Each structure stands twice: as C-alpha cells, then as structure tokens.
PDB file of all heavy atoms in Angstrom:
ATOM      1  N   ILE A   1       9.914   3.081  -1.492  1.00  0.00           N
ATOM      2  CA  ILE A   1       8.795   3.048  -0.549  1.00  0.00           C
ATOM      3  C   ILE A   1       7.968   1.804  -0.852  1.00  0.00           C
ATOM      4  O   ILE A   1       7.578   1.565  -1.993  1.00  0.00           O
ATOM      5  CB  ILE A   1       7.944   4.330  -0.672  1.00  0.00           C
ATOM      6  CG1 ILE A   1       8.759   5.549  -0.253  1.00  0.00           C
ATOM      7  CG2 ILE A   1       6.672   4.201   0.159  1.00  0.00           C
ATOM      8  CD1 ILE A   1       8.054   6.869  -0.504  1.00  0.00           C
ATOM      9  N   GLU A   2       7.693   1.010   0.167  1.00  0.00           N
ATOM     10  CA  GLU A   2       7.055  -0.291  -0.035  1.00  0.00           C
ATOM     11  C   GLU A   2       5.537  -0.221  -0.203  1.00  0.00           C
ATOM     12  O   GLU A   2       4.970  -0.927  -1.008  1.00  0.00           O
ATOM     13  CB  GLU A   2       7.413  -1.218   1.124  1.00  0.00           C
ATOM     14  CG  GLU A   2       8.877  -1.577   1.123  1.00  0.00           C
ATOM     15  CD  GLU A   2       9.243  -2.511   2.255  1.00  0.00           C
ATOM     16  OE1 GLU A   2       8.340  -3.086   2.875  1.00  0.00           O
ATOM     17  OE2 GLU A   2      10.444  -2.659   2.514  1.00  0.00           O
ATOM     18  N   ASP A   3       4.872   0.600   0.572  1.00  0.00           N
ATOM     19  CA  ASP A   3       3.410   0.624   0.558  1.00  0.00           C
ATOM     20  C   ASP A   3       2.899   1.516  -0.568  1.00  0.00           C
ATOM     21  O   ASP A   3       2.932   2.737  -0.479  1.00  0.00           O
ATOM     22  CB  ASP A   3       2.869   1.089   1.900  1.00  0.00           C
ATOM     23  CG  ASP A   3       1.385   0.844   2.041  1.00  0.00           C
ATOM     24  OD1 ASP A   3       0.754   0.410   1.060  1.00  0.00           O
ATOM     25  OD2 ASP A   3       0.857   1.068   3.137  1.00  0.00           O
ATOM     26  N   GLU A   4       2.446   0.900  -1.642  1.00  0.00           N
ATOM     27  CA  GLU A   4       1.995   1.611  -2.838  1.00  0.00           C
ATOM     28  C   GLU A   4       0.779   2.501  -2.588  1.00  0.00           C
ATOM     29  O   GLU A   4       0.636   3.549  -3.188  1.00  0.00           O
ATOM     30  CB  GLU A   4       1.656   0.609  -3.948  1.00  0.00           C
ATOM     31  CG  GLU A   4       2.803  -0.259  -4.375  1.00  0.00           C
ATOM     32  CD  GLU A   4       3.740   0.435  -5.340  1.00  0.00           C
ATOM     33  OE1 GLU A   4       3.280   1.306  -6.081  1.00  0.00           O
ATOM     34  OE2 GLU A   4       4.934   0.101  -5.325  1.00  0.00           O
ATOM     35  N   ASP A   5      -0.136   2.056  -1.715  1.00  0.00           N
ATOM     36  CA  ASP A   5      -1.407   2.749  -1.543  1.00  0.00           C
ATOM     37  C   ASP A   5      -1.448   3.705  -0.360  1.00  0.00           C
ATOM     38  O   ASP A   5      -2.465   4.366  -0.152  1.00  0.00           O
ATOM     39  CB  ASP A   5      -2.536   1.723  -1.399  1.00  0.00           C
ATOM     40  CG  ASP A   5      -2.666   0.861  -2.646  1.00  0.00           C
ATOM     41  OD1 ASP A   5      -2.443   1.375  -3.754  1.00  0.00           O
ATOM     42  OD2 ASP A   5      -2.974  -0.335  -2.504  1.00  0.00           O
ATOM     43  N   GLU A   6      -0.384   3.773   0.404  1.00  0.00           N
ATOM     44  CA  GLU A   6      -0.372   4.648   1.571  1.00  0.00           C
ATOM     45  C   GLU A   6      -0.407   6.106   1.131  1.00  0.00           C
ATOM     46  O   GLU A   6       0.235   6.499   0.162  1.00  0.00           O
ATOM     47  CB  GLU A   6       0.871   4.392   2.415  1.00  0.00           C
ATOM     48  CG  GLU A   6       0.922   5.218   3.668  1.00  0.00           C
ATOM     49  CD  GLU A   6       2.111   4.887   4.552  1.00  0.00           C
ATOM     50  OE1 GLU A   6       2.848   3.937   4.236  1.00  0.00           O
ATOM     51  OE2 GLU A   6       2.288   5.588   5.539  1.00  0.00           O
ATOM     52  N   VAL A   7      -1.149   6.914   1.860  1.00  0.00           N
ATOM     53  CA  VAL A   7      -1.208   8.348   1.582  1.00  0.00           C
ATOM     54  C   VAL A   7      -0.342   9.047   2.623  1.00  0.00           C
ATOM     55  O   VAL A   7      -0.537   8.895   3.823  1.00  0.00           O
ATOM     56  CB  VAL A   7      -2.660   8.870   1.657  1.00  0.00           C
ATOM     57  CG1 VAL A   7      -2.688  10.370   1.471  1.00  0.00           C
ATOM     58  CG2 VAL A   7      -3.515   8.185   0.597  1.00  0.00           C
ATOM     59  N   PHE A   8       0.631   9.801   2.150  1.00  0.00           N
ATOM     60  CA  PHE A   8       1.557  10.513   3.018  1.00  0.00           C
ATOM     61  C   PHE A   8       1.052  11.937   3.201  1.00  0.00           C
ATOM     62  O   PHE A   8       0.744  12.626   2.231  1.00  0.00           O
ATOM     63  CB  PHE A   8       2.965  10.516   2.416  1.00  0.00           C
ATOM     64  CG  PHE A   8       3.505   9.135   2.203  1.00  0.00           C
ATOM     65  CD1 PHE A   8       3.448   8.544   0.950  1.00  0.00           C
ATOM     66  CD2 PHE A   8       4.041   8.414   3.254  1.00  0.00           C
ATOM     67  CE1 PHE A   8       3.931   7.258   0.748  1.00  0.00           C
ATOM     68  CE2 PHE A   8       4.513   7.126   3.065  1.00  0.00           C
ATOM     69  CZ  PHE A   8       4.463   6.542   1.805  1.00  0.00           C
ATOM     70  N   GLU A   9       0.978  12.373   4.444  1.00  0.00           N
ATOM     71  CA  GLU A   9       0.456  13.698   4.763  1.00  0.00           C
ATOM     72  C   GLU A   9       1.503  14.798   4.590  1.00  0.00           C
ATOM     73  O   GLU A   9       1.157  15.943   4.326  1.00  0.00           O
ATOM     74  CB  GLU A   9      -0.092  13.730   6.186  1.00  0.00           C
ATOM     75  CG  GLU A   9      -1.277  12.816   6.392  1.00  0.00           C
ATOM     76  CD  GLU A   9      -2.495  13.210   5.572  1.00  0.00           C
ATOM     77  OE1 GLU A   9      -2.732  14.419   5.397  1.00  0.00           O
ATOM     78  OE2 GLU A   9      -3.194  12.299   5.095  1.00  0.00           O
ATOM     79  N   SER A  10       2.778  14.446   4.761  1.00  0.00           N
ATOM     80  CA  SER A  10       3.848  15.428   4.641  1.00  0.00           C
ATOM     81  C   SER A  10       5.180  14.695   4.471  1.00  0.00           C
ATOM     82  O   SER A  10       5.248  13.470   4.567  1.00  0.00           O
ATOM     83  CB  SER A  10       3.905  16.328   5.869  1.00  0.00           C
ATOM     84  OG  SER A  10       4.316  15.586   6.990  1.00  0.00           O
ATOM     85  N   ILE A  11       6.224  15.461   4.264  1.00  0.00           N
ATOM     86  CA  ILE A  11       7.560  14.885   4.106  1.00  0.00           C
ATOM     87  C   ILE A  11       7.972  14.136   5.380  1.00  0.00           C
ATOM     88  O   ILE A  11       8.710  13.162   5.321  1.00  0.00           O
ATOM     89  CB  ILE A  11       8.603  15.964   3.729  1.00  0.00           C
ATOM     90  CG1 ILE A  11       9.975  15.363   3.439  1.00  0.00           C
ATOM     91  CG2 ILE A  11       8.714  17.020   4.799  1.00  0.00           C
ATOM     92  CD1 ILE A  11      10.032  14.490   2.224  1.00  0.00           C
ATOM     93  N   GLU A  12       7.452  14.552   6.541  1.00  0.00           N
ATOM     94  CA  GLU A  12       7.791  13.887   7.789  1.00  0.00           C
ATOM     95  C   GLU A  12       7.304  12.439   7.827  1.00  0.00           C
ATOM     96  O   GLU A  12       7.866  11.625   8.545  1.00  0.00           O
ATOM     97  CB  GLU A  12       7.239  14.650   8.999  1.00  0.00           C
ATOM     98  CG  GLU A  12       7.970  15.945   9.281  1.00  0.00           C
ATOM     99  CD  GLU A  12       7.390  17.130   8.519  1.00  0.00           C
ATOM    100  OE1 GLU A  12       6.339  16.979   7.857  1.00  0.00           O
ATOM    101  OE2 GLU A  12       7.994  18.210   8.569  1.00  0.00           O
ATOM    102  N   ASP A  13       6.268  12.112   7.058  1.00  0.00           N
ATOM    103  CA  ASP A  13       5.806  10.722   6.986  1.00  0.00           C
ATOM    104  C   ASP A  13       6.810   9.838   6.254  1.00  0.00           C
ATOM    105  O   ASP A  13       6.875   8.633   6.479  1.00  0.00           O
ATOM    106  CB  ASP A  13       4.456  10.625   6.271  1.00  0.00           C
ATOM    107  CG  ASP A  13       3.313  11.172   7.103  1.00  0.00           C
ATOM    108  OD1 ASP A  13       3.513  11.421   8.314  1.00  0.00           O
ATOM    109  OD2 ASP A  13       2.225  11.346   6.539  1.00  0.00           O
ATOM    110  N   ILE A  14       7.586  10.435   5.373  1.00  0.00           N
ATOM    111  CA  ILE A  14       8.589   9.693   4.609  1.00  0.00           C
ATOM    112  C   ILE A  14       9.931   9.717   5.327  1.00  0.00           C
ATOM    113  O   ILE A  14      10.620   8.719   5.424  1.00  0.00           O
ATOM    114  CB  ILE A  14       8.723  10.285   3.192  1.00  0.00           C
ATOM    115  CG1 ILE A  14       7.402  10.096   2.442  1.00  0.00           C
ATOM    116  CG2 ILE A  14       9.880   9.655   2.435  1.00  0.00           C
ATOM    117  CD1 ILE A  14       7.346  10.807   1.119  1.00  0.00           C
ATOM    118  N   TRP A  15      10.302  10.889   5.817  1.00  0.00           N
ATOM    119  CA  TRP A  15      11.567  11.061   6.524  1.00  0.00           C
ATOM    120  C   TRP A  15      11.276  11.747   7.862  1.00  0.00           C
ATOM    121  O   TRP A  15      11.214  12.969   7.935  1.00  0.00           O
ATOM    122  CB  TRP A  15      12.551  11.873   5.685  1.00  0.00           C
ATOM    123  CG  TRP A  15      13.928  11.968   6.245  1.00  0.00           C
ATOM    124  CD1 TRP A  15      14.633  10.984   6.875  1.00  0.00           C
ATOM    125  CD2 TRP A  15      14.781  13.116   6.222  1.00  0.00           C
ATOM    126  NE1 TRP A  15      15.869  11.448   7.246  1.00  0.00           N
ATOM    127  CE2 TRP A  15      15.989  12.759   6.845  1.00  0.00           C
ATOM    128  CE3 TRP A  15      14.653  14.401   5.735  1.00  0.00           C
ATOM    129  CZ2 TRP A  15      17.047  13.640   6.999  1.00  0.00           C
ATOM    130  CZ3 TRP A  15      15.710  15.279   5.882  1.00  0.00           C
ATOM    131  CH2 TRP A  15      16.901  14.903   6.501  1.00  0.00           C
ATOM    132  N   PRO A  16      11.087  10.973   8.927  1.00  0.00           N
ATOM    133  CA  PRO A  16      10.690  11.543  10.224  1.00  0.00           C
ATOM    134  C   PRO A  16      11.684  12.552  10.794  1.00  0.00           C
ATOM    135  O   PRO A  16      11.316  13.386  11.605  1.00  0.00           O
ATOM    136  CB  PRO A  16      10.591  10.315  11.134  1.00  0.00           C
ATOM    137  CG  PRO A  16      10.412   9.160  10.219  1.00  0.00           C
ATOM    138  CD  PRO A  16      11.121   9.522   8.947  1.00  0.00           C
ATOM    139  N   ASP A  17      12.928  12.510  10.371  1.00  0.00           N
ATOM    140  CA  ASP A  17      13.944  13.427  10.897  1.00  0.00           C
ATOM    141  C   ASP A  17      14.016  14.741  10.134  1.00  0.00           C
ATOM    142  O   ASP A  17      14.902  15.553  10.393  1.00  0.00           O
ATOM    143  CB  ASP A  17      15.324  12.760  10.879  1.00  0.00           C
ATOM    144  CG  ASP A  17      15.406  11.595  11.848  1.00  0.00           C
ATOM    145  OD1 ASP A  17      14.652  11.603  12.840  1.00  0.00           O
ATOM    146  OD2 ASP A  17      16.213  10.685  11.610  1.00  0.00           O
ATOM    147  N   TYR A  18      13.097  14.961   9.188  1.00  0.00           N
ATOM    148  CA  TYR A  18      13.127  16.200   8.415  1.00  0.00           C
ATOM    149  C   TYR A  18      12.967  17.386   9.362  1.00  0.00           C
ATOM    150  O   TYR A  18      12.018  17.456  10.132  1.00  0.00           O
ATOM    151  CB  TYR A  18      12.009  16.201   7.375  1.00  0.00           C
ATOM    152  CG  TYR A  18      12.079  17.372   6.419  1.00  0.00           C
ATOM    153  CD1 TYR A  18      13.049  17.410   5.432  1.00  0.00           C
ATOM    154  CD2 TYR A  18      11.196  18.434   6.509  1.00  0.00           C
ATOM    155  CE1 TYR A  18      13.127  18.469   4.539  1.00  0.00           C
ATOM    156  CE2 TYR A  18      11.266  19.498   5.625  1.00  0.00           C
ATOM    157  CZ  TYR A  18      12.228  19.510   4.643  1.00  0.00           C
ATOM    158  OH  TYR A  18      12.314  20.570   3.769  1.00  0.00           O
ATOM    159  N   PRO A  19      13.915  18.332   9.331  1.00  0.00           N
ATOM    160  CA  PRO A  19      13.844  19.460  10.268  1.00  0.00           C
ATOM    161  C   PRO A  19      12.695  20.411   9.938  1.00  0.00           C
ATOM    162  O   PRO A  19      12.389  20.649   8.775  1.00  0.00           O
ATOM    163  CB  PRO A  19      15.199  20.151  10.097  1.00  0.00           C
ATOM    164  CG  PRO A  19      15.752  19.664   8.820  1.00  0.00           C
ATOM    165  CD  PRO A  19      15.091  18.359   8.499  1.00  0.00           C
ATOM    166  N   THR A  20      12.098  20.947  10.972  1.00  0.00           N
ATOM    167  CA  THR A  20      11.037  21.936  10.805  1.00  0.00           C
ATOM    168  C   THR A  20      11.586  23.302  11.200  1.00  0.00           C
ATOM    169  O   THR A  20      12.711  23.418  11.682  1.00  0.00           O
ATOM    170  CB  THR A  20       9.833  21.590  11.698  1.00  0.00           C
ATOM    171  OG1 THR A  20      10.254  21.634  13.059  1.00  0.00           O
ATOM    172  CG2 THR A  20       9.280  20.206  11.379  1.00  0.00           C
ATOM    173  N   LYS A  21      10.787  24.335  11.045  1.00  0.00           N
ATOM    174  CA  LYS A  21      11.222  25.678  11.438  1.00  0.00           C
ATOM    175  C   LYS A  21      11.579  25.728  12.917  1.00  0.00           C
ATOM    176  O   LYS A  21      12.458  26.483  13.320  1.00  0.00           O
ATOM    177  CB  LYS A  21      10.132  26.698  11.139  1.00  0.00           C
ATOM    178  CG  LYS A  21      10.008  27.044   9.700  1.00  0.00           C
ATOM    179  CD  LYS A  21       9.010  28.164   9.521  1.00  0.00           C
ATOM    180  CE  LYS A  21       8.974  28.566   8.055  1.00  0.00           C
ATOM    181  NZ  LYS A  21       8.120  29.728   7.845  1.00  0.00           N
ATOM    182  N   ASP A  22      10.904  24.938  13.720  1.00  0.00           N
ATOM    183  CA  ASP A  22      11.176  24.932  15.158  1.00  0.00           C
ATOM    184  C   ASP A  22      12.578  24.419  15.478  1.00  0.00           C
ATOM    185  O   ASP A  22      13.116  24.709  16.542  1.00  0.00           O
ATOM    186  CB  ASP A  22      10.160  24.056  15.887  1.00  0.00           C
ATOM    187  CG  ASP A  22       8.758  24.601  15.771  1.00  0.00           C
ATOM    188  OD1 ASP A  22       8.605  25.820  15.519  1.00  0.00           O
ATOM    189  OD2 ASP A  22       7.805  23.805  15.911  1.00  0.00           O
ATOM    190  N   ASP A  23      13.170  23.680  14.561  1.00  0.00           N
ATOM    191  CA  ASP A  23      14.497  23.113  14.792  1.00  0.00           C
ATOM    192  C   ASP A  23      15.625  24.114  14.593  1.00  0.00           C
ATOM    193  O   ASP A  23      16.763  23.825  14.917  1.00  0.00           O
ATOM    194  CB  ASP A  23      14.736  21.918  13.867  1.00  0.00           C
ATOM    195  CG  ASP A  23      13.811  20.764  14.169  1.00  0.00           C
ATOM    196  OD1 ASP A  23      13.374  20.645  15.331  1.00  0.00           O
ATOM    197  OD2 ASP A  23      13.520  19.991  13.244  1.00  0.00           O
ATOM    198  N   PHE A  24      15.337  25.294  14.082  1.00  0.00           N
ATOM    199  CA  PHE A  24      16.406  26.227  13.726  1.00  0.00           C
ATOM    200  C   PHE A  24      16.649  27.338  14.745  1.00  0.00           C
ATOM    201  O   PHE A  24      17.514  28.170  14.551  1.00  0.00           O
ATOM    202  CB  PHE A  24      16.140  26.828  12.344  1.00  0.00           C
ATOM    203  CG  PHE A  24      16.333  25.831  11.244  1.00  0.00           C
ATOM    204  CD1 PHE A  24      15.244  25.293  10.585  1.00  0.00           C
ATOM    205  CD2 PHE A  24      17.595  25.409  10.884  1.00  0.00           C
ATOM    206  CE1 PHE A  24      15.409  24.371   9.577  1.00  0.00           C
ATOM    207  CE2 PHE A  24      17.788  24.478   9.874  1.00  0.00           C
ATOM    208  CZ  PHE A  24      16.698  23.956   9.229  1.00  0.00           C
ATOM    209  N   PHE A  25      15.873  27.389  15.815  1.00  0.00           N
ATOM    210  CA  PHE A  25      16.083  28.371  16.887  1.00  0.00           C
ATOM    211  C   PHE A  25      16.183  29.795  16.375  1.00  0.00           C
ATOM    212  O   PHE A  25      16.977  30.587  16.829  1.00  0.00           O
ATOM    213  CB  PHE A  25      17.341  28.032  17.704  1.00  0.00           C
ATOM    214  CG  PHE A  25      17.367  26.638  18.214  1.00  0.00           C
ATOM    215  CD1 PHE A  25      18.277  25.730  17.733  1.00  0.00           C
ATOM    216  CD2 PHE A  25      16.458  26.227  19.185  1.00  0.00           C
ATOM    217  CE1 PHE A  25      18.297  24.435  18.207  1.00  0.00           C
ATOM    218  CE2 PHE A  25      16.472  24.935  19.667  1.00  0.00           C
ATOM    219  CZ  PHE A  25      17.398  24.031  19.168  1.00  0.00           C
ATOM    220  N   PHE A  26      15.374  30.154  15.426  1.00  0.00           N
ATOM    221  CA  PHE A  26      15.388  31.489  14.834  1.00  0.00           C
ATOM    222  C   PHE A  26      14.120  32.201  15.249  1.00  0.00           C
ATOM    223  O   PHE A  26      13.025  31.735  14.978  1.00  0.00           O
ATOM    224  CB  PHE A  26      15.477  31.388  13.303  1.00  0.00           C
ATOM    225  CG  PHE A  26      15.511  32.710  12.622  1.00  0.00           C
ATOM    226  CD1 PHE A  26      16.650  33.479  12.617  1.00  0.00           C
ATOM    227  CD2 PHE A  26      14.383  33.205  11.963  1.00  0.00           C
ATOM    228  CE1 PHE A  26      16.680  34.706  11.994  1.00  0.00           C
ATOM    229  CE2 PHE A  26      14.414  34.424  11.323  1.00  0.00           C
ATOM    230  CZ  PHE A  26      15.563  35.171  11.346  1.00  0.00           C
ATOM    231  N   ASP A  27      14.263  33.328  15.896  1.00  0.00           N
ATOM    232  CA  ASP A  27      13.119  34.090  16.355  1.00  0.00           C
ATOM    233  C   ASP A  27      12.790  35.153  15.313  1.00  0.00           C
ATOM    234  O   ASP A  27      13.475  36.179  15.225  1.00  0.00           O
ATOM    235  CB  ASP A  27      13.414  34.729  17.711  1.00  0.00           C
ATOM    236  CG  ASP A  27      12.215  35.404  18.321  1.00  0.00           C
ATOM    237  OD1 ASP A  27      11.101  35.280  17.743  1.00  0.00           O
ATOM    238  OD2 ASP A  27      12.375  36.044  19.369  1.00  0.00           O
ATOM    239  N   GLU A  28      11.737  34.927  14.528  1.00  0.00           N
ATOM    240  CA  GLU A  28      11.374  35.845  13.459  1.00  0.00           C
ATOM    241  C   GLU A  28      10.932  37.203  13.981  1.00  0.00           C
ATOM    242  O   GLU A  28      11.087  38.209  13.306  1.00  0.00           O
ATOM    243  CB  GLU A  28      10.265  35.228  12.597  1.00  0.00           C
ATOM    244  CG  GLU A  28      10.723  34.042  11.811  1.00  0.00           C
ATOM    245  CD  GLU A  28       9.603  33.412  10.997  1.00  0.00           C
ATOM    246  OE1 GLU A  28       8.459  33.884  11.073  1.00  0.00           O
ATOM    247  OE2 GLU A  28       9.907  32.436  10.291  1.00  0.00           O
ATOM    248  N   GLU A  29      10.414  37.249  15.189  1.00  0.00           N
ATOM    249  CA  GLU A  29       9.965  38.517  15.764  1.00  0.00           C
ATOM    250  C   GLU A  29      11.142  39.404  16.155  1.00  0.00           C
ATOM    251  O   GLU A  29      10.996  40.606  16.289  1.00  0.00           O
ATOM    252  CB  GLU A  29       9.080  38.257  16.974  1.00  0.00           C
ATOM    253  CG  GLU A  29       7.787  37.584  16.631  1.00  0.00           C
ATOM    254  CD  GLU A  29       6.963  37.245  17.854  1.00  0.00           C
ATOM    255  OE1 GLU A  29       7.376  37.637  18.984  1.00  0.00           O
ATOM    256  OE2 GLU A  29       5.928  36.595  17.700  1.00  0.00           O
ATOM    257  N   GLU A  30      12.293  38.795  16.311  1.00  0.00           N
ATOM    258  CA  GLU A  30      13.467  39.539  16.737  1.00  0.00           C
ATOM    259  C   GLU A  30      14.012  40.416  15.617  1.00  0.00           C
ATOM    260  O   GLU A  30      14.684  41.402  15.860  1.00  0.00           O
ATOM    261  CB  GLU A  30      14.535  38.548  17.196  1.00  0.00           C
ATOM    262  CG  GLU A  30      15.546  39.135  18.125  1.00  0.00           C
ATOM    263  CD  GLU A  30      16.465  38.060  18.684  1.00  0.00           C
ATOM    264  OE1 GLU A  30      15.995  37.236  19.481  1.00  0.00           O
ATOM    265  OE2 GLU A  30      17.626  38.048  18.272  1.00  0.00           O
TER     266      GLU A  30
END
C-alpha cells in the first residue's frame, strides 16, 4: 500500500471487490 497516512474505513477501501453479505443471496429470515 503506497499511502502511509491514509486511513482505511474498511476492507473494501483496500480491496473494492471484497464480497459483502448482500453478495451471497442468502435470506436469513427464510
């Protein structure tokens, strides 16, 4: 990572393609 002083809010700031729960098509209420 090049920018030493940058503050990353989440893993998505480092790897934008990181899958979230919404990517898994799983309905927890089901």
